[in-house]
Each structure stands twice: as structure tokens, then as C-alpha cells.
Amino acid sequence: MKTKFTKGEWSVSVESGSAKVYYPHGFLTSANVIKIDESRLDGESWLEMRKRTDPAREAAMAESNANMHLISCAPEMYDILDSIENDNNQVPEFLWEKIQSVLAKARGEEC
């Protein structure tokens, strides 16, 4: 059974520092998914907390944006690996097993 994926080109748009993945039928997800502890320390103002946690928020945003770019190219990567799998004579054995494993994961055959 061939796995059905969302058709069309996926793209990433970075707006106000936050990446979003779009596909022809709409909006997939945004990158603001990594939780940051923004609880205030004793005697700390909200502004002081924001300044203290800026590096963690920026790192989380960078990681989330990188994830969105990876998600957006997943259909093309799947197609490339699928075509390599169909022409397995050209793939070294150590890569063959990795390709088969990642394709099975993409197809929902293993988690």
C-alpha cells in the first residue's frame, strides 16, 4: 500500500522571527512549540525575567525554525529516498538499511 502524503509544494515563511509551514491547502504549523520556563524569580520583575530568558527563547525559536524547514522539505526527501530504494543496486549496504528504516518510519510502519 502506497502512503498518501499532502500533495504540492510545502514552503516556510518566517514572520516576526517565527517560521510557519504552508502547503497548497493551508497552514500546517508554526514554530513556536518549544516551551520556555518564564516563571519569575523572587523579586524579579516581568521585564527582568524577559531579559534573563531572552537567550533561551531565541535558542528555542532557532531550533523550532530549523524544524519547520526540515518539515517543509520532507516530501522531497521522501521522494528521493523512495527512488533510491527502487534502485537499490546503487546503494551501499550500510545506507540501504538506514534508507529502508527511515522510509518505514515515514510510512507509519515503525515508530
PDB file of N, CA and C in Angstrom:
ATOM      1  N   MET A   1       0.840  -1.185   0.000  1.00  0.00           N
ATOM      2  CA  MET A   1       0.000   0.000   0.000  1.00  0.00           C
ATOM      3  C   MET A   1       0.881   1.243   0.000  1.00  0.00           C
ATOM      4  N   LYS A   2       0.656   2.119  -0.935  1.00  0.00           N
ATOM      5  CA  LYS A   2       1.414   3.358  -1.026  1.00  0.00           C
ATOM      6  C   LYS A   2       0.854   4.376  -0.044  1.00  0.00           C
ATOM      7  N   THR A   3       1.746   5.024   0.697  1.00  0.00           N
ATOM      8  CA  THR A   3       1.343   6.039   1.673  1.00  0.00           C
ATOM      9  C   THR A   3       0.914   7.303   0.949  1.00  0.00           C
ATOM     10  N   LYS A   4      -0.142   7.917   1.430  1.00  0.00           N
ATOM     11  CA  LYS A   4      -0.625   9.169   0.849  1.00  0.00           C
ATOM     12  C   LYS A   4      -0.123  10.337   1.685  1.00  0.00           C
ATOM     13  N   PHE A   5       0.518  11.279   1.058  1.00  0.00           N
ATOM     14  CA  PHE A   5       1.011  12.473   1.726  1.00  0.00           C
ATOM     15  C   PHE A   5       0.298  13.694   1.163  1.00  0.00           C
ATOM     16  N   THR A   6       0.415  14.796   1.859  1.00  0.00           N
ATOM     17  CA  THR A   6      -0.146  16.050   1.369  1.00  0.00           C
ATOM     18  C   THR A   6       0.501  16.387   0.036  1.00  0.00           C
ATOM     19  N   LYS A   7      -0.330  16.686  -0.958  1.00  0.00           N
ATOM     20  CA  LYS A   7       0.194  16.982  -2.292  1.00  0.00           C
ATOM     21  C   LYS A   7       0.661  18.424  -2.374  1.00  0.00           C
ATOM     22  N   GLY A   8       1.583  18.645  -3.285  1.00  0.00           N
ATOM     23  CA  GLY A   8       2.003  20.003  -3.591  1.00  0.00           C
ATOM     24  C   GLY A   8       3.266  20.420  -2.861  1.00  0.00           C
ATOM     25  N   GLU A   9       3.721  21.585  -3.207  1.00  0.00           N
ATOM     26  CA  GLU A   9       4.936  22.135  -2.630  1.00  0.00           C
ATOM     27  C   GLU A   9       4.668  22.700  -1.243  1.00  0.00           C
ATOM     28  N   TRP A  10       5.487  22.335  -0.293  1.00  0.00           N
ATOM     29  CA  TRP A  10       5.431  22.915   1.041  1.00  0.00           C
ATOM     30  C   TRP A  10       6.427  24.066   1.077  1.00  0.00           C
ATOM     31  N   SER A  11       6.144  25.077   1.848  1.00  0.00           N
ATOM     32  CA  SER A  11       7.067  26.203   1.948  1.00  0.00           C
ATOM     33  C   SER A  11       7.105  26.707   3.382  1.00  0.00           C
ATOM     34  N   VAL A  12       8.175  27.429   3.695  1.00  0.00           N
ATOM     35  CA  VAL A  12       8.336  28.021   5.019  1.00  0.00           C
ATOM     36  C   VAL A  12       8.332  29.523   4.867  1.00  0.00           C
ATOM     37  N   SER A  13       7.619  30.179   5.750  1.00  0.00           N
ATOM     38  CA  SER A  13       7.604  31.630   5.799  1.00  0.00           C
ATOM     39  C   SER A  13       7.998  32.045   7.210  1.00  0.00           C
ATOM     40  N   VAL A  14       8.995  32.912   7.314  1.00  0.00           N
ATOM     41  CA  VAL A  14       9.412  33.413   8.622  1.00  0.00           C
ATOM     42  C   VAL A  14       8.818  34.800   8.790  1.00  0.00           C
ATOM     43  N   GLU A  15       7.939  34.913   9.784  1.00  0.00           N
ATOM     44  CA  GLU A  15       7.255  36.171  10.062  1.00  0.00           C
ATOM     45  C   GLU A  15       7.504  36.550  11.514  1.00  0.00           C
ATOM     46  N   SER A  16       8.039  37.715  11.750  1.00  0.00           N
ATOM     47  CA  SER A  16       8.358  38.179  13.102  1.00  0.00           C
ATOM     48  C   SER A  16       9.233  37.168  13.841  1.00  0.00           C
ATOM     49  N   GLY A  17      10.156  36.560  13.128  1.00  0.00           N
ATOM     50  CA  GLY A  17      11.076  35.608  13.724  1.00  0.00           C
ATOM     51  C   GLY A  17      10.540  34.208  13.891  1.00  0.00           C
ATOM     52  N   SER A  18       9.268  33.980  13.604  1.00  0.00           N
ATOM     53  CA  SER A  18       8.649  32.673  13.779  1.00  0.00           C
ATOM     54  C   SER A  18       8.364  32.038  12.421  1.00  0.00           C
ATOM     55  N   ALA A  19       8.813  30.815  12.236  1.00  0.00           N
ATOM     56  CA  ALA A  19       8.594  30.112  10.974  1.00  0.00           C
ATOM     57  C   ALA A  19       7.247  29.414  10.987  1.00  0.00           C
ATOM     58  N   LYS A  20       6.604  29.389   9.830  1.00  0.00           N
ATOM     59  CA  LYS A  20       5.366  28.644   9.640  1.00  0.00           C
ATOM     60  C   LYS A  20       5.496  27.828   8.369  1.00  0.00           C
ATOM     61  N   VAL A  21       4.962  26.617   8.401  1.00  0.00           N
ATOM     62  CA  VAL A  21       4.983  25.751   7.226  1.00  0.00           C
ATOM     63  C   VAL A  21       3.623  25.855   6.544  1.00  0.00           C
ATOM     64  N   TYR A  22       3.651  26.125   5.250  1.00  0.00           N
ATOM     65  CA  TYR A  22       2.434  26.220   4.452  1.00  0.00           C
ATOM     66  C   TYR A  22       2.454  25.131   3.389  1.00  0.00           C
ATOM     67  N   TYR A  23       1.288  24.691   3.014  1.00  0.00           N
ATOM     68  CA  TYR A  23       1.140  23.788   1.881  1.00  0.00           C
ATOM     69  C   TYR A  23      -0.028  24.307   1.056  1.00  0.00           C
ATOM     70  N   PRO A  24      -0.223  23.801  -0.161  1.00  0.00           N
ATOM     71  CA  PRO A  24      -1.227  24.391  -1.051  1.00  0.00           C
ATOM     72  C   PRO A  24      -2.632  24.500  -0.459  1.00  0.00           C
ATOM     73  N   HIS A  25      -2.955  23.677   0.511  1.00  0.00           N
ATOM     74  CA  HIS A  25      -4.311  23.705   1.055  1.00  0.00           C
ATOM     75  C   HIS A  25      -4.410  24.495   2.350  1.00  0.00           C
ATOM     76  N   GLY A  26      -3.328  25.113   2.790  1.00  0.00           N
ATOM     77  CA  GLY A  26      -3.413  25.905   4.010  1.00  0.00           C
ATOM     78  C   GLY A  26      -2.135  25.957   4.809  1.00  0.00           C
ATOM     79  N   PHE A  27      -2.307  26.060   6.102  1.00  0.00           N
ATOM     80  CA  PHE A  27      -1.247  26.292   7.058  1.00  0.00           C
ATOM     81  C   PHE A  27      -1.056  25.027   7.882  1.00  0.00           C
ATOM     82  N   LEU A  28       0.172  24.529   7.979  1.00  0.00           N
ATOM     83  CA  LEU A  28       0.424  23.289   8.703  1.00  0.00           C
ATOM     84  C   LEU A  28       0.672  23.537  10.192  1.00  0.00           C
ATOM     85  N   THR A  29       1.689  24.298  10.509  1.00  0.00           N
ATOM     86  CA  THR A  29       2.021  24.547  11.909  1.00  0.00           C
ATOM     87  C   THR A  29       2.964  25.724  12.015  1.00  0.00           C
ATOM     88  N   SER A  30       3.090  26.245  13.201  1.00  0.00           N
ATOM     89  CA  SER A  30       4.069  27.311  13.423  1.00  0.00           C
ATOM     90  C   SER A  30       5.198  26.764  14.269  1.00  0.00           C
ATOM     91  N   ALA A  31       6.256  27.537  14.359  1.00  0.00           N
ATOM     92  CA  ALA A  31       7.458  27.057  15.014  1.00  0.00           C
ATOM     93  C   ALA A  31       7.486  27.295  16.512  1.00  0.00           C
ATOM     94  N   ASN A  32       6.555  28.033  17.067  1.00  0.00           N
ATOM     95  CA  ASN A  32       6.609  28.354  18.488  1.00  0.00           C
ATOM     96  C   ASN A  32       6.079  27.203  19.321  1.00  0.00           C
ATOM     97  N   VAL A  33       6.807  26.106  19.333  1.00  0.00           N
ATOM     98  CA  VAL A  33       6.322  24.912  20.014  1.00  0.00           C
ATOM     99  C   VAL A  33       7.221  24.464  21.159  1.00  0.00           C
ATOM    100  N   ILE A  34       8.381  25.064  21.349  1.00  0.00           N
ATOM    101  CA  ILE A  34       9.291  24.661  22.411  1.00  0.00           C
ATOM    102  C   ILE A  34       9.010  25.532  23.632  1.00  0.00           C
ATOM    103  N   LYS A  35       8.631  24.885  24.704  1.00  0.00           N
ATOM    104  CA  LYS A  35       8.232  25.583  25.928  1.00  0.00           C
ATOM    105  C   LYS A  35       9.456  26.132  26.652  1.00  0.00           C
ATOM    106  N   ILE A  36       9.350  27.374  27.104  1.00  0.00           N
ATOM    107  CA  ILE A  36      10.398  28.046  27.866  1.00  0.00           C
ATOM    108  C   ILE A  36       9.836  28.371  29.249  1.00  0.00           C
ATOM    109  N   ASP A  37      10.621  28.092  30.275  1.00  0.00           N
ATOM    110  CA  ASP A  37      10.207  28.438  31.638  1.00  0.00           C
ATOM    111  C   ASP A  37      10.357  29.948  31.821  1.00  0.00           C
ATOM    112  N   GLU A  38       9.244  30.631  31.888  1.00  0.00           N
ATOM    113  CA  GLU A  38       9.258  32.077  32.068  1.00  0.00           C
ATOM    114  C   GLU A  38       8.721  32.471  33.441  1.00  0.00           C
ATOM    115  N   SER A  39       8.906  31.580  34.416  1.00  0.00           N
ATOM    116  CA  SER A  39       8.481  31.943  35.765  1.00  0.00           C
ATOM    117  C   SER A  39       9.481  32.954  36.339  1.00  0.00           C
ATOM    118  N   ARG A  40       8.955  33.869  37.112  1.00  0.00           N
ATOM    119  CA  ARG A  40       9.808  34.923  37.678  1.00  0.00           C
ATOM    120  C   ARG A  40      10.464  34.446  38.969  1.00  0.00           C
ATOM    121  N   LEU A  41      11.686  34.878  39.151  1.00  0.00           N
ATOM    122  CA  LEU A  41      12.402  34.611  40.381  1.00  0.00           C
ATOM    123  C   LEU A  41      11.889  35.563  41.466  1.00  0.00           C
ATOM    124  N   ASP A  42      12.146  35.227  42.720  1.00  0.00           N
ATOM    125  CA  ASP A  42      11.719  36.110  43.820  1.00  0.00           C
ATOM    126  C   ASP A  42      12.239  37.519  43.598  1.00  0.00           C
ATOM    127  N   GLY A  43      11.343  38.498  43.627  1.00  0.00           N
ATOM    128  CA  GLY A  43      11.705  39.906  43.490  1.00  0.00           C
ATOM    129  C   GLY A  43      12.012  40.343  42.066  1.00  0.00           C
ATOM    130  N   GLU A  44      11.875  39.455  41.103  1.00  0.00           N
ATOM    131  CA  GLU A  44      12.193  39.774  39.705  1.00  0.00           C
ATOM    132  C   GLU A  44      10.969  40.338  39.013  1.00  0.00           C
ATOM    133  N   SER A  45      11.160  41.419  38.275  1.00  0.00           N
ATOM    134  CA  SER A  45      10.046  41.998  37.515  1.00  0.00           C
ATOM    135  C   SER A  45       9.836  41.195  36.243  1.00  0.00           C
ATOM    136  N   TRP A  46       8.693  41.433  35.606  1.00  0.00           N
ATOM    137  CA  TRP A  46       8.397  40.765  34.346  1.00  0.00           C
ATOM    138  C   TRP A  46       9.459  41.111  33.307  1.00  0.00           C
ATOM    139  N   LEU A  47       9.858  42.388  33.230  1.00  0.00           N
ATOM    140  CA  LEU A  47      10.866  42.805  32.249  1.00  0.00           C
ATOM    141  C   LEU A  47      12.222  42.157  32.526  1.00  0.00           C
ATOM    142  N   GLU A  48      12.580  42.045  33.804  1.00  0.00           N
ATOM    143  CA  GLU A  48      13.837  41.389  34.146  1.00  0.00           C
ATOM    144  C   GLU A  48      13.805  39.911  33.750  1.00  0.00           C
ATOM    145  N   MET A  49      12.672  39.251  33.994  1.00  0.00           N
ATOM    146  CA  MET A  49      12.528  37.853  33.607  1.00  0.00           C
ATOM    147  C   MET A  49      12.653  37.698  32.099  1.00  0.00           C
ATOM    148  N   ARG A  50      12.012  38.595  31.353  1.00  0.00           N
ATOM    149  CA  ARG A  50      12.086  38.516  29.885  1.00  0.00           C
ATOM    150  C   ARG A  50      13.523  38.698  29.403  1.00  0.00           C
ATOM    151  N   LYS A  51      14.239  39.618  29.998  1.00  0.00           N
ATOM    152  CA  LYS A  51      15.634  39.844  29.613  1.00  0.00           C
ATOM    153  C   LYS A  51      16.482  38.615  29.960  1.00  0.00           C
ATOM    154  N   ARG A  52      16.252  38.022  31.133  1.00  0.00           N
ATOM    155  CA  ARG A  52      17.005  36.851  31.569  1.00  0.00           C
ATOM    156  C   ARG A  52      16.729  35.642  30.671  1.00  0.00           C
ATOM    157  N   THR A  53      15.499  35.499  30.213  1.00  0.00           N
ATOM    158  CA  THR A  53      15.131  34.318  29.424  1.00  0.00           C
ATOM    159  C   THR A  53      15.239  34.545  27.910  1.00  0.00           C
ATOM    160  N   ASP A  54      15.657  35.739  27.495  1.00  0.00           N
ATOM    161  CA  ASP A  54      15.817  36.018  26.052  1.00  0.00           C
ATOM    162  C   ASP A  54      16.689  34.976  25.350  1.00  0.00           C
ATOM    163  N   PRO A  55      17.879  34.634  25.875  1.00  0.00           N
ATOM    164  CA  PRO A  55      18.700  33.645  25.170  1.00  0.00           C
ATOM    165  C   PRO A  55      18.002  32.287  24.996  1.00  0.00           C
ATOM    166  N   ALA A  56      17.277  31.840  26.009  1.00  0.00           N
ATOM    167  CA  ALA A  56      16.562  30.559  25.899  1.00  0.00           C
ATOM    168  C   ALA A  56      15.451  30.655  24.863  1.00  0.00           C
ATOM    169  N   ARG A  57      14.724  31.778  24.841  1.00  0.00           N
ATOM    170  CA  ARG A  57      13.659  31.956  23.849  1.00  0.00           C
ATOM    171  C   ARG A  57      14.235  32.018  22.436  1.00  0.00           C
ATOM    172  N   GLU A  58      15.344  32.719  22.268  1.00  0.00           N
ATOM    173  CA  GLU A  58      15.973  32.819  20.949  1.00  0.00           C
ATOM    174  C   GLU A  58      16.478  31.452  20.478  1.00  0.00           C
ATOM    175  N   ALA A  59      17.068  30.669  21.386  1.00  0.00           N
ATOM    176  CA  ALA A  59      17.542  29.327  21.028  1.00  0.00           C
ATOM    177  C   ALA A  59      16.368  28.424  20.649  1.00  0.00           C
ATOM    178  N   ALA A  60      15.275  28.519  21.404  1.00  0.00           N
ATOM    179  CA  ALA A  60      14.090  27.711  21.101  1.00  0.00           C
ATOM    180  C   ALA A  60      13.504  28.108  19.755  1.00  0.00           C
ATOM    181  N   MET A  61      13.479  29.410  19.466  1.00  0.00           N
ATOM    182  CA  MET A  61      12.957  29.885  18.187  1.00  0.00           C
ATOM    183  C   MET A  61      13.829  29.378  17.036  1.00  0.00           C
ATOM    184  N   ALA A  62      15.151  29.426  17.209  1.00  0.00           N
ATOM    185  CA  ALA A  62      16.060  28.951  16.155  1.00  0.00           C
ATOM    186  C   ALA A  62      15.857  27.447  15.914  1.00  0.00           C
ATOM    187  N   GLU A  63      15.724  26.669  16.997  1.00  0.00           N
ATOM    188  CA  GLU A  63      15.501  25.234  16.847  1.00  0.00           C
ATOM    189  C   GLU A  63      14.159  24.956  16.178  1.00  0.00           C
ATOM    190  N   SER A  64      13.131  25.666  16.597  1.00  0.00           N
ATOM    191  CA  SER A  64      11.804  25.478  16.007  1.00  0.00           C
ATOM    192  C   SER A  64      11.800  25.857  14.530  1.00  0.00           C
ATOM    193  N   ASN A  65      12.446  26.965  14.183  1.00  0.00           N
ATOM    194  CA  ASN A  65      12.513  27.376  12.781  1.00  0.00           C
ATOM    195  C   ASN A  65      13.254  26.335  11.942  1.00  0.00           C
ATOM    196  N   ALA A  66      14.339  25.780  12.489  1.00  0.00           N
ATOM    197  CA  ALA A  66      15.066  24.725  11.771  1.00  0.00           C
ATOM    198  C   ALA A  66      14.167  23.507  11.566  1.00  0.00           C
ATOM    199  N   ASN A  67      13.362  23.176  12.564  1.00  0.00           N
ATOM    200  CA  ASN A  67      12.420  22.059  12.425  1.00  0.00           C
ATOM    201  C   ASN A  67      11.404  22.325  11.320  1.00  0.00           C
ATOM    202  N   MET A  68      10.908  23.558  11.227  1.00  0.00           N
ATOM    203  CA  MET A  68       9.930  23.897  10.190  1.00  0.00           C
ATOM    204  C   MET A  68      10.541  23.757   8.798  1.00  0.00           C
ATOM    205  N   HIS A  69      11.810  24.158   8.644  1.00  0.00           N
ATOM    206  CA  HIS A  69      12.475  23.999   7.350  1.00  0.00           C
ATOM    207  C   HIS A  69      12.641  22.522   7.011  1.00  0.00           C
ATOM    208  N   LEU A  70      12.982  21.713   8.007  1.00  0.00           N
ATOM    209  CA  LEU A  70      13.105  20.273   7.783  1.00  0.00           C
ATOM    210  C   LEU A  70      11.769  19.661   7.388  1.00  0.00           C
ATOM    211  N   ILE A  71      10.708  20.046   8.085  1.00  0.00           N
ATOM    212  CA  ILE A  71       9.369  19.542   7.760  1.00  0.00           C
ATOM    213  C   ILE A  71       8.979  19.924   6.339  1.00  0.00           C
ATOM    214  N   SER A  72       9.312  21.151   5.939  1.00  0.00           N
ATOM    215  CA  SER A  72       8.888  21.612   4.615  1.00  0.00           C
ATOM    216  C   SER A  72       9.563  20.845   3.484  1.00  0.00           C
ATOM    217  N   CYS A  73      10.751  20.295   3.727  1.00  0.00           N
ATOM    218  CA  CYS A  73      11.423  19.553   2.648  1.00  0.00           C
ATOM    219  C   CYS A  73      11.211  18.048   2.772  1.00  0.00           C
ATOM    220  N   ALA A  74      10.435  17.608   3.766  1.00  0.00           N
ATOM    221  CA  ALA A  74      10.196  16.175   3.967  1.00  0.00           C
ATOM    222  C   ALA A  74       9.618  15.474   2.736  1.00  0.00           C
ATOM    223  N   PRO A  75       8.638  16.047   2.024  1.00  0.00           N
ATOM    224  CA  PRO A  75       8.113  15.343   0.844  1.00  0.00           C
ATOM    225  C   PRO A  75       9.180  15.097  -0.226  1.00  0.00           C
ATOM    226  N   GLU A  76      10.039  16.087  -0.452  1.00  0.00           N
ATOM    227  CA  GLU A  76      11.100  15.903  -1.452  1.00  0.00           C
ATOM    228  C   GLU A  76      12.114  14.864  -0.982  1.00  0.00           C
ATOM    229  N   MET A  77      12.453  14.899   0.311  1.00  0.00           N
ATOM    230  CA  MET A  77      13.397  13.910   0.828  1.00  0.00           C
ATOM    231  C   MET A  77      12.813  12.505   0.724  1.00  0.00           C
ATOM    232  N   TYR A  78      11.524  12.377   1.013  1.00  0.00           N
ATOM    233  CA  TYR A  78      10.867  11.071   0.886  1.00  0.00           C
ATOM    234  C   TYR A  78      10.949  10.582  -0.558  1.00  0.00           C
ATOM    235  N   ASP A  79      10.620  11.452  -1.513  1.00  0.00           N
ATOM    236  CA  ASP A  79      10.663  11.058  -2.923  1.00  0.00           C
ATOM    237  C   ASP A  79      12.060  10.606  -3.339  1.00  0.00           C
ATOM    238  N   ILE A  80      13.091  11.315  -2.868  1.00  0.00           N
ATOM    239  CA  ILE A  80      14.464  10.947  -3.207  1.00  0.00           C
ATOM    240  C   ILE A  80      14.801   9.575  -2.630  1.00  0.00           C
ATOM    241  N   LEU A  81      14.476   9.367  -1.350  1.00  0.00           N
ATOM    242  CA  LEU A  81      14.775   8.078  -0.724  1.00  0.00           C
ATOM    243  C   LEU A  81      13.974   6.942  -1.353  1.00  0.00           C
ATOM    244  N   ASP A  82      12.728   7.241  -1.704  1.00  0.00           N
ATOM    245  CA  ASP A  82      11.895   6.230  -2.351  1.00  0.00           C
ATOM    246  C   ASP A  82      12.487   5.828  -3.701  1.00  0.00           C
ATOM    247  N   SER A  83      12.980   6.807  -4.465  1.00  0.00           N
ATOM    248  CA  SER A  83      13.581   6.473  -5.759  1.00  0.00           C
ATOM    249  C   SER A  83      14.889   5.705  -5.571  1.00  0.00           C
ATOM    250  N   ILE A  84      15.649   6.015  -4.520  1.00  0.00           N
ATOM    251  CA  ILE A  84      16.874   5.267  -4.228  1.00  0.00           C
ATOM    252  C   ILE A  84      16.521   3.828  -3.845  1.00  0.00           C
ATOM    253  N   GLU A  85      15.460   3.675  -3.035  1.00  0.00           N
ATOM    254  CA  GLU A  85      15.035   2.331  -2.629  1.00  0.00           C
ATOM    255  C   GLU A  85      14.655   1.492  -3.843  1.00  0.00           C
ATOM    256  N   ASN A  86      14.029   2.118  -4.832  1.00  0.00           N
ATOM    257  CA  ASN A  86      13.604   1.395  -6.032  1.00  0.00           C
ATOM    258  C   ASN A  86      14.772   1.023  -6.938  1.00  0.00           C
ATOM    259  N   ASP A  87      15.946   1.643  -6.708  1.00  0.00           N
ATOM    260  CA  ASP A  87      17.144   1.333  -7.500  1.00  0.00           C
ATOM    261  C   ASP A  87      18.254   0.925  -6.539  1.00  0.00           C
ATOM    262  N   ASN A  88      18.008  -0.109  -5.747  1.00  0.00           N
ATOM    263  CA  ASN A  88      18.907  -0.470  -4.653  1.00  0.00           C
ATOM    264  C   ASN A  88      20.275  -0.998  -5.087  1.00  0.00           C
ATOM    265  N   ASN A  89      20.484  -1.254  -6.339  1.00  0.00           N
ATOM    266  CA  ASN A  89      21.789  -1.734  -6.802  1.00  0.00           C
ATOM    267  C   ASN A  89      22.882  -0.679  -6.636  1.00  0.00           C
ATOM    268  N   GLN A  90      22.496   0.576  -6.529  1.00  0.00           N
ATOM    269  CA  GLN A  90      23.458   1.667  -6.458  1.00  0.00           C
ATOM    270  C   GLN A  90      23.731   2.133  -5.024  1.00  0.00           C
ATOM    271  N   VAL A  91      23.158   1.459  -4.033  1.00  0.00           N
ATOM    272  CA  VAL A  91      23.259   1.922  -2.646  1.00  0.00           C
ATOM    273  C   VAL A  91      24.151   0.983  -1.840  1.00  0.00           C
ATOM    274  N   PRO A  92      25.163   1.538  -1.153  1.00  0.00           N
ATOM    275  CA  PRO A  92      25.972   0.691  -0.277  1.00  0.00           C
ATOM    276  C   PRO A  92      25.107   0.069   0.828  1.00  0.00           C
ATOM    277  N   GLU A  93      25.472  -1.113   1.284  1.00  0.00           N
ATOM    278  CA  GLU A  93      24.665  -1.856   2.258  1.00  0.00           C
ATOM    279  C   GLU A  93      24.400  -1.061   3.536  1.00  0.00           C
ATOM    280  N   PHE A  94      25.419  -0.340   4.040  1.00  0.00           N
ATOM    281  CA  PHE A  94      25.227   0.394   5.285  1.00  0.00           C
ATOM    282  C   PHE A  94      24.188   1.513   5.132  1.00  0.00           C
ATOM    283  N   LEU A  95      24.025   2.061   3.937  1.00  0.00           N
ATOM    284  CA  LEU A  95      22.994   3.075   3.699  1.00  0.00           C
ATOM    285  C   LEU A  95      21.640   2.438   3.399  1.00  0.00           C
ATOM    286  N   TRP A  96      21.668   1.274   2.779  1.00  0.00           N
ATOM    287  CA  TRP A  96      20.428   0.601   2.395  1.00  0.00           C
ATOM    288  C   TRP A  96      19.530   0.380   3.611  1.00  0.00           C
ATOM    289  N   GLU A  97      20.099  -0.119   4.700  1.00  0.00           N
ATOM    290  CA  GLU A  97      19.313  -0.383   5.900  1.00  0.00           C
ATOM    291  C   GLU A  97      18.763   0.905   6.503  1.00  0.00           C
ATOM    292  N   LYS A  98      19.552   1.963   6.499  1.00  0.00           N
ATOM    293  CA  LYS A  98      19.099   3.253   7.030  1.00  0.00           C
ATOM    294  C   LYS A  98      17.969   3.825   6.179  1.00  0.00           C
ATOM    295  N   ILE A  99      18.109   3.721   4.864  1.00  0.00           N
ATOM    296  CA  ILE A  99      17.066   4.222   3.959  1.00  0.00           C
ATOM    297  C   ILE A  99      15.779   3.447   4.175  1.00  0.00           C
ATOM    298  N   GLN A 100      15.869   2.125   4.255  1.00  0.00           N
ATOM    299  CA  GLN A 100      14.677   1.305   4.482  1.00  0.00           C
ATOM    300  C   GLN A 100      14.011   1.657   5.811  1.00  0.00           C
ATOM    301  N   SER A 101      14.806   1.902   6.843  1.00  0.00           N
ATOM    302  CA  SER A 101      14.275   2.223   8.167  1.00  0.00           C
ATOM    303  C   SER A 101      13.550   3.571   8.165  1.00  0.00           C
ATOM    304  N   VAL A 102      14.148   4.578   7.559  1.00  0.00           N
ATOM    305  CA  VAL A 102      13.526   5.903   7.568  1.00  0.00           C
ATOM    306  C   VAL A 102      12.267   5.923   6.695  1.00  0.00           C
ATOM    307  N   LEU A 103      12.257   5.189   5.607  1.00  0.00           N
ATOM    308  CA  LEU A 103      11.064   5.105   4.766  1.00  0.00           C
ATOM    309  C   LEU A 103       9.935   4.373   5.500  1.00  0.00           C
ATOM    310  N   ALA A 104      10.274   3.311   6.227  1.00  0.00           N
ATOM    311  CA  ALA A 104       9.253   2.595   7.015  1.00  0.00           C
ATOM    312  C   ALA A 104       8.667   3.521   8.068  1.00  0.00           C
ATOM    313  N   LYS A 105       9.503   4.331   8.676  1.00  0.00           N
ATOM    314  CA  LYS A 105       9.022   5.290   9.684  1.00  0.00           C
ATOM    315  C   LYS A 105       8.094   6.316   9.038  1.00  0.00           C
ATOM    316  N   ALA A 106       8.471   6.816   7.870  1.00  0.00           N
ATOM    317  CA  ALA A 106       7.628   7.797   7.164  1.00  0.00           C
ATOM    318  C   ALA A 106       6.301   7.203   6.736  1.00  0.00           C
ATOM    319  N   ARG A 107       6.291   5.916   6.445  1.00  0.00           N
ATOM    320  CA  ARG A 107       5.063   5.238   6.031  1.00  0.00           C
ATOM    321  C   ARG A 107       4.196   4.803   7.217  1.00  0.00           C
ATOM    322  N   GLY A 108       4.709   5.013   8.423  1.00  0.00           N
ATOM    323  CA  GLY A 108       3.965   4.617   9.615  1.00  0.00           C
ATOM    324  C   GLY A 108       4.099   3.145   9.939  1.00  0.00           C
ATOM    325  N   GLU A 109       5.080   2.472   9.342  1.00  0.00           N
ATOM    326  CA  GLU A 109       5.276   1.045   9.565  1.00  0.00           C
ATOM    327  C   GLU A 109       6.077   0.763  10.823  1.00  0.00           C
ATOM    328  N   GLU A 110       6.857   1.730  11.267  1.00  0.00           N
ATOM    329  CA  GLU A 110       7.595   1.616  12.532  1.00  0.00           C
ATOM    330  C   GLU A 110       7.729   3.003  13.132  1.00  0.00           C
ATOM    331  N   CYS A 111       7.828   3.060  14.431  1.00  0.00           N
ATOM    332  CA  CYS A 111       7.918   4.355  15.117  1.00  0.00           C
ATOM    333  C   CYS A 111       9.224   4.501  15.849  1.00  0.00           C
TER     334      CYS A 111
END
